[in-house]
């Protein structure tokens, strides 16, 4: 059962190792490089905050921009392979969360296997290898999954945690609004 759950993950890891490149692709010139130029050129805190909340296409990608700036500030550069790996790790987090929700371990593994097959199908092929697409599209799925899990639990703190995650989902991609 574990092997069935891991087959799509192993396939994507193998494909990623062969296909990822540390170079910007289509949207990444604007969404990553232009953003970092604007962020670095900011002369005030207000300009920096405005750059984080600026719309990119129809999205406000605050959480992805925070990840990019964190990477840039820590390493002094942007590595597009690492961004894609982080994005793909968000998807692994979704599979893990789904598998952990079921108390019956065997059924939980089956749920994780089905989730991984649904998530890692070829419709998402582009997102798996485009670093910026993966951190946005997969992060919003992780935030949504975690939010729904928290909201289904009892207690005020679970509800507050779900509200925080829903807010982050809204500021990740436009379809994060569906969580709210």
C-alpha atoms as a PDB file:
ATOM      1  CA  UNK A   1       0.000   0.000   0.000  1.00  0.00           C
ATOM      2  CA  UNK A   2       2.843   2.403   0.837  1.00  0.00           C
ATOM      3  CA  UNK A   3       4.484   1.617  -2.509  1.00  0.00           C
ATOM      4  CA  UNK A   4       1.266   2.523  -4.358  1.00  0.00           C
ATOM      5  CA  UNK A   5       1.096   5.812  -2.442  1.00  0.00           C
ATOM      6  CA  UNK A   6       4.709   6.647  -3.220  1.00  0.00           C
ATOM      7  CA  UNK A   7       4.831   5.691  -6.912  1.00  0.00           C
ATOM      8  CA  UNK A   8       3.565   9.055  -8.219  1.00  0.00           C
ATOM      9  CA  UNK A   9       5.824  10.899  -5.788  1.00  0.00           C
ATOM     10  CA  UNK A  10       8.878   8.882  -6.878  1.00  0.00           C
ATOM     11  CA  UNK A  11       7.996   9.447 -10.539  1.00  0.00           C
ATOM     12  CA  UNK A  12       7.728  13.219 -10.061  1.00  0.00           C
ATOM     13  CA  UNK A  13      10.966  13.331  -8.033  1.00  0.00           C
ATOM     14  CA  UNK A  14      12.732  11.441 -10.823  1.00  0.00           C
ATOM     15  CA  UNK A  15      11.270  13.746 -13.492  1.00  0.00           C
ATOM     16  CA  UNK A  16      12.172  16.815 -11.439  1.00  0.00           C
ATOM     17  CA  UNK A  17      15.754  15.692 -11.002  1.00  0.00           C
ATOM     18  CA  UNK A  18      16.041  15.362 -14.790  1.00  0.00           C
ATOM     19  CA  UNK A  19      14.080  18.439 -15.883  1.00  0.00           C
ATOM     20  CA  UNK A  20      14.514  21.221 -13.327  1.00  0.00           C
ATOM     21  CA  UNK A  21      16.789  24.038 -14.372  1.00  0.00           C
ATOM     22  CA  UNK A  22      17.947  27.094 -12.517  1.00  0.00           C
ATOM     23  CA  UNK A  23      16.545  29.522 -15.055  1.00  0.00           C
ATOM     24  CA  UNK A  24      13.434  31.686 -15.202  1.00  0.00           C
ATOM     25  CA  UNK A  25      10.573  30.647 -17.439  1.00  0.00           C
ATOM     26  CA  UNK A  26       7.763  32.758 -18.959  1.00  0.00           C
ATOM     27  CA  UNK A  27       5.982  34.404 -15.972  1.00  0.00           C
ATOM     28  CA  UNK A  28       9.039  34.273 -13.745  1.00  0.00           C
ATOM     29  CA  UNK A  29      10.651  37.237 -15.492  1.00  0.00           C
ATOM     30  CA  UNK A  30       7.831  39.432 -14.206  1.00  0.00           C
ATOM     31  CA  UNK A  31       6.691  37.611 -11.086  1.00  0.00           C
ATOM     32  CA  UNK A  32      10.107  36.804  -9.641  1.00  0.00           C
ATOM     33  CA  UNK A  33      12.845  38.889 -11.220  1.00  0.00           C
ATOM     34  CA  UNK A  34      10.896  42.131 -11.732  1.00  0.00           C
ATOM     35  CA  UNK A  35       9.431  41.833  -8.237  1.00  0.00           C
ATOM     36  CA  UNK A  36      12.889  41.419  -6.690  1.00  0.00           C
ATOM     37  CA  UNK A  37      14.195  44.409  -8.658  1.00  0.00           C
ATOM     38  CA  UNK A  38      11.258  46.509  -7.380  1.00  0.00           C
ATOM     39  CA  UNK A  39      11.722  45.195  -3.842  1.00  0.00           C
ATOM     40  CA  UNK A  40      15.455  45.998  -3.864  1.00  0.00           C
ATOM     41  CA  UNK A  41      14.810  49.443  -5.389  1.00  0.00           C
ATOM     42  CA  UNK A  42      12.295  50.362  -2.682  1.00  0.00           C
ATOM     43  CA  UNK A  43      13.390  53.452  -0.779  1.00  0.00           C
ATOM     44  CA  UNK A  44      10.887  53.156   2.057  1.00  0.00           C
ATOM     45  CA  UNK A  45       9.022  50.557   4.057  1.00  0.00           C
ATOM     46  CA  UNK A  46       5.794  51.733   2.429  1.00  0.00           C
ATOM     47  CA  UNK A  47       7.181  51.026  -1.050  1.00  0.00           C
ATOM     48  CA  UNK A  48       8.367  47.588   0.067  1.00  0.00           C
ATOM     49  CA  UNK A  49       4.966  46.717   1.511  1.00  0.00           C
ATOM     50  CA  UNK A  50       3.271  48.001  -1.642  1.00  0.00           C
ATOM     51  CA  UNK A  51       5.534  45.730  -3.747  1.00  0.00           C
ATOM     52  CA  UNK A  52       4.501  42.712  -1.664  1.00  0.00           C
ATOM     53  CA  UNK A  53       0.781  43.436  -2.065  1.00  0.00           C
ATOM     54  CA  UNK A  54       0.889  44.518  -5.733  1.00  0.00           C
ATOM     55  CA  UNK A  55      -1.256  42.516  -8.127  1.00  0.00           C
ATOM     56  CA  UNK A  56       0.498  40.121 -10.503  1.00  0.00           C
ATOM     57  CA  UNK A  57      -2.030  39.354 -13.230  1.00  0.00           C
ATOM     58  CA  UNK A  58      -5.183  38.838 -11.143  1.00  0.00           C
ATOM     59  CA  UNK A  59      -3.322  37.505  -8.116  1.00  0.00           C
ATOM     60  CA  UNK A  60      -1.811  38.992  -4.982  1.00  0.00           C
ATOM     61  CA  UNK A  61       0.982  36.512  -4.351  1.00  0.00           C
ATOM     62  CA  UNK A  62       2.114  37.787  -0.955  1.00  0.00           C
ATOM     63  CA  UNK A  63       3.076  34.408   0.496  1.00  0.00           C
ATOM     64  CA  UNK A  64       5.169  33.433  -2.530  1.00  0.00           C
ATOM     65  CA  UNK A  65       6.887  36.814  -2.485  1.00  0.00           C
ATOM     66  CA  UNK A  66       7.713  36.339   1.181  1.00  0.00           C
ATOM     67  CA  UNK A  67       9.333  32.983   0.324  1.00  0.00           C
ATOM     68  CA  UNK A  68      11.315  34.529  -2.529  1.00  0.00           C
ATOM     69  CA  UNK A  69      12.571  37.419  -0.410  1.00  0.00           C
ATOM     70  CA  UNK A  70      13.474  35.038   2.409  1.00  0.00           C
ATOM     71  CA  UNK A  71      15.467  32.908  -0.056  1.00  0.00           C
ATOM     72  CA  UNK A  72      17.094  35.985  -1.551  1.00  0.00           C
ATOM     73  CA  UNK A  73      17.999  37.518   1.821  1.00  0.00           C
ATOM     74  CA  UNK A  74      19.415  34.238   3.175  1.00  0.00           C
ATOM     75  CA  UNK A  75      21.360  33.134   0.086  1.00  0.00           C
ATOM     76  CA  UNK A  76      21.853  36.391  -1.819  1.00  0.00           C
ATOM     77  CA  UNK A  77      20.292  34.942  -4.967  1.00  0.00           C
ATOM     78  CA  UNK A  78      17.193  33.284  -6.369  1.00  0.00           C
ATOM     79  CA  UNK A  79      17.454  29.638  -7.323  1.00  0.00           C
ATOM     80  CA  UNK A  80      14.560  28.533  -9.530  1.00  0.00           C
ATOM     81  CA  UNK A  81      15.237  24.829  -8.920  1.00  0.00           C
ATOM     82  CA  UNK A  82      14.933  25.348  -5.172  1.00  0.00           C
ATOM     83  CA  UNK A  83      11.707  27.314  -5.612  1.00  0.00           C
ATOM     84  CA  UNK A  84      10.239  24.416  -7.622  1.00  0.00           C
ATOM     85  CA  UNK A  85      11.353  21.924  -4.979  1.00  0.00           C
ATOM     86  CA  UNK A  86       9.689  24.028  -2.264  1.00  0.00           C
ATOM     87  CA  UNK A  87       6.512  24.159  -4.353  1.00  0.00           C
ATOM     88  CA  UNK A  88       6.521  20.409  -4.880  1.00  0.00           C
ATOM     89  CA  UNK A  89       7.088  19.930  -1.150  1.00  0.00           C
ATOM     90  CA  UNK A  90       3.799  21.784  -0.590  1.00  0.00           C
ATOM     91  CA  UNK A  91       2.060  19.071  -2.616  1.00  0.00           C
ATOM     92  CA  UNK A  92       3.755  16.368  -0.579  1.00  0.00           C
ATOM     93  CA  UNK A  93       2.393  18.157   2.481  1.00  0.00           C
ATOM     94  CA  UNK A  94      -1.136  17.879   1.073  1.00  0.00           C
ATOM     95  CA  UNK A  95      -0.750  14.130   0.516  1.00  0.00           C
ATOM     96  CA  UNK A  96       0.648  13.753   4.043  1.00  0.00           C
ATOM     97  CA  UNK A  97      -2.210  15.752   5.612  1.00  0.00           C
ATOM     98  CA  UNK A  98      -4.854  13.774   3.749  1.00  0.00           C
ATOM     99  CA  UNK A  99      -3.259  10.468   4.728  1.00  0.00           C
ATOM    100  CA  UNK A 100      -3.018  11.499   8.398  1.00  0.00           C
ATOM    101  CA  UNK A 101      -6.705  12.386   8.734  1.00  0.00           C
ATOM    102  CA  UNK A 102      -7.900   8.797   8.757  1.00  0.00           C
ATOM    103  CA  UNK A 103      -7.476   6.934  12.050  1.00  0.00           C
ATOM    104  CA  UNK A 104      -7.285   3.542  10.310  1.00  0.00           C
ATOM    105  CA  UNK A 105      -3.672   3.450   9.093  1.00  0.00           C
ATOM    106  CA  UNK A 106      -4.359   1.219   6.083  1.00  0.00           C
ATOM    107  CA  UNK A 107      -7.258   3.360   4.927  1.00  0.00           C
ATOM    108  CA  UNK A 108      -5.177   6.491   5.542  1.00  0.00           C
ATOM    109  CA  UNK A 109      -2.463   5.115   3.246  1.00  0.00           C
ATOM    110  CA  UNK A 110      -5.105   4.343   0.638  1.00  0.00           C
ATOM    111  CA  UNK A 111      -6.399   7.923   0.905  1.00  0.00           C
ATOM    112  CA  UNK A 112      -2.834   9.230   0.509  1.00  0.00           C
ATOM    113  CA  UNK A 113      -2.316   6.959  -2.519  1.00  0.00           C
ATOM    114  CA  UNK A 114      -5.502   8.213  -4.175  1.00  0.00           C
ATOM    115  CA  UNK A 115      -4.613  11.818  -3.308  1.00  0.00           C
ATOM    116  CA  UNK A 116      -1.139  11.465  -4.777  1.00  0.00           C
ATOM    117  CA  UNK A 117      -2.550   9.959  -7.981  1.00  0.00           C
ATOM    118  CA  UNK A 118      -5.063  12.806  -8.277  1.00  0.00           C
ATOM    119  CA  UNK A 119      -2.535  15.507  -7.471  1.00  0.00           C
ATOM    120  CA  UNK A 120       0.408  14.301  -9.518  1.00  0.00           C
ATOM    121  CA  UNK A 121      -1.409  13.691 -12.782  1.00  0.00           C
ATOM    122  CA  UNK A 122      -0.261  15.310 -15.979  1.00  0.00           C
ATOM    123  CA  UNK A 123      -2.629  18.288 -15.788  1.00  0.00           C
ATOM    124  CA  UNK A 124      -0.196  19.781 -13.269  1.00  0.00           C
ATOM    125  CA  UNK A 125       2.861  18.859 -15.316  1.00  0.00           C
ATOM    126  CA  UNK A 126       3.789  22.473 -16.063  1.00  0.00           C
ATOM    127  CA  UNK A 127       3.411  23.488 -12.423  1.00  0.00           C
ATOM    128  CA  UNK A 128       5.713  20.713 -11.278  1.00  0.00           C
ATOM    129  CA  UNK A 129       8.666  22.098 -13.211  1.00  0.00           C
ATOM    130  CA  UNK A 130       7.959  25.811 -13.273  1.00  0.00           C
ATOM    131  CA  UNK A 131       9.248  27.107  -9.982  1.00  0.00           C
ATOM    132  CA  UNK A 132       6.983  30.086  -9.592  1.00  0.00           C
ATOM    133  CA  UNK A 133       3.850  28.227 -10.671  1.00  0.00           C
ATOM    134  CA  UNK A 134       4.589  25.435  -8.225  1.00  0.00           C
ATOM    135  CA  UNK A 135       5.042  27.647  -5.175  1.00  0.00           C
ATOM    136  CA  UNK A 136       1.794  29.502  -5.911  1.00  0.00           C
ATOM    137  CA  UNK A 137      -0.486  26.740  -7.146  1.00  0.00           C
ATOM    138  CA  UNK A 138       0.636  24.082  -4.730  1.00  0.00           C
ATOM    139  CA  UNK A 139       0.903  26.390  -1.739  1.00  0.00           C
ATOM    140  CA  UNK A 140      -2.737  27.434  -2.116  1.00  0.00           C
ATOM    141  CA  UNK A 141      -3.779  23.759  -2.196  1.00  0.00           C
ATOM    142  CA  UNK A 142      -1.797  23.059   1.002  1.00  0.00           C
ATOM    143  CA  UNK A 143      -3.208  26.130   2.764  1.00  0.00           C
ATOM    144  CA  UNK A 144      -6.743  25.181   1.716  1.00  0.00           C
ATOM    145  CA  UNK A 145      -6.361  21.559   2.816  1.00  0.00           C
ATOM    146  CA  UNK A 146      -4.908  22.539   6.195  1.00  0.00           C
ATOM    147  CA  UNK A 147      -7.596  25.201   6.650  1.00  0.00           C
ATOM    148  CA  UNK A 148     -10.415  22.741   5.994  1.00  0.00           C
ATOM    149  CA  UNK A 149      -8.877  20.187   8.351  1.00  0.00           C
ATOM    150  CA  UNK A 150      -8.680  22.792  11.131  1.00  0.00           C
ATOM    151  CA  UNK A 151     -12.204  24.103  10.560  1.00  0.00           C
ATOM    152  CA  UNK A 152     -13.622  20.576  10.847  1.00  0.00           C
ATOM    153  CA  UNK A 153     -12.108  20.199  14.320  1.00  0.00           C
ATOM    154  CA  UNK A 154     -13.731  21.564  17.429  1.00  0.00           C
ATOM    155  CA  UNK A 155     -12.366  24.521  19.333  1.00  0.00           C
ATOM    156  CA  UNK A 156     -11.813  28.221  18.966  1.00  0.00           C
ATOM    157  CA  UNK A 157      -8.080  27.919  18.255  1.00  0.00           C
ATOM    158  CA  UNK A 158      -8.716  25.526  15.387  1.00  0.00           C
ATOM    159  CA  UNK A 159     -11.169  28.034  13.926  1.00  0.00           C
ATOM    160  CA  UNK A 160      -8.668  30.888  14.367  1.00  0.00           C
ATOM    161  CA  UNK A 161      -5.927  28.776  12.759  1.00  0.00           C
ATOM    162  CA  UNK A 162      -8.270  27.978   9.877  1.00  0.00           C
ATOM    163  CA  UNK A 163      -9.059  31.685   9.445  1.00  0.00           C
ATOM    164  CA  UNK A 164      -5.340  32.531   9.330  1.00  0.00           C
ATOM    165  CA  UNK A 165      -4.707  29.824   6.728  1.00  0.00           C
ATOM    166  CA  UNK A 166      -7.736  30.964   4.685  1.00  0.00           C
ATOM    167  CA  UNK A 167      -6.397  34.524   4.726  1.00  0.00           C
ATOM    168  CA  UNK A 168      -2.983  33.310   3.572  1.00  0.00           C
ATOM    169  CA  UNK A 169      -4.682  31.315   0.793  1.00  0.00           C
ATOM    170  CA  UNK A 170      -6.463  34.468  -0.392  1.00  0.00           C
ATOM    171  CA  UNK A 171      -3.110  36.266  -0.521  1.00  0.00           C
ATOM    172  CA  UNK A 172      -1.493  33.383  -2.415  1.00  0.00           C
ATOM    173  CA  UNK A 173      -3.681  33.123  -5.504  1.00  0.00           C
ATOM    174  CA  UNK A 174      -7.041  34.460  -6.599  1.00  0.00           C
ATOM    175  CA  UNK A 175      -8.673  31.045  -6.277  1.00  0.00           C
ATOM    176  CA  UNK A 176      -7.698  31.059  -2.601  1.00  0.00           C
ATOM    177  CA  UNK A 177     -10.905  33.085  -2.201  1.00  0.00           C
ATOM    178  CA  UNK A 178     -12.807  29.795  -2.589  1.00  0.00           C
ATOM    179  CA  UNK A 179     -11.667  28.855   0.925  1.00  0.00           C
ATOM    180  CA  UNK A 180     -13.379  31.821   2.478  1.00  0.00           C
END
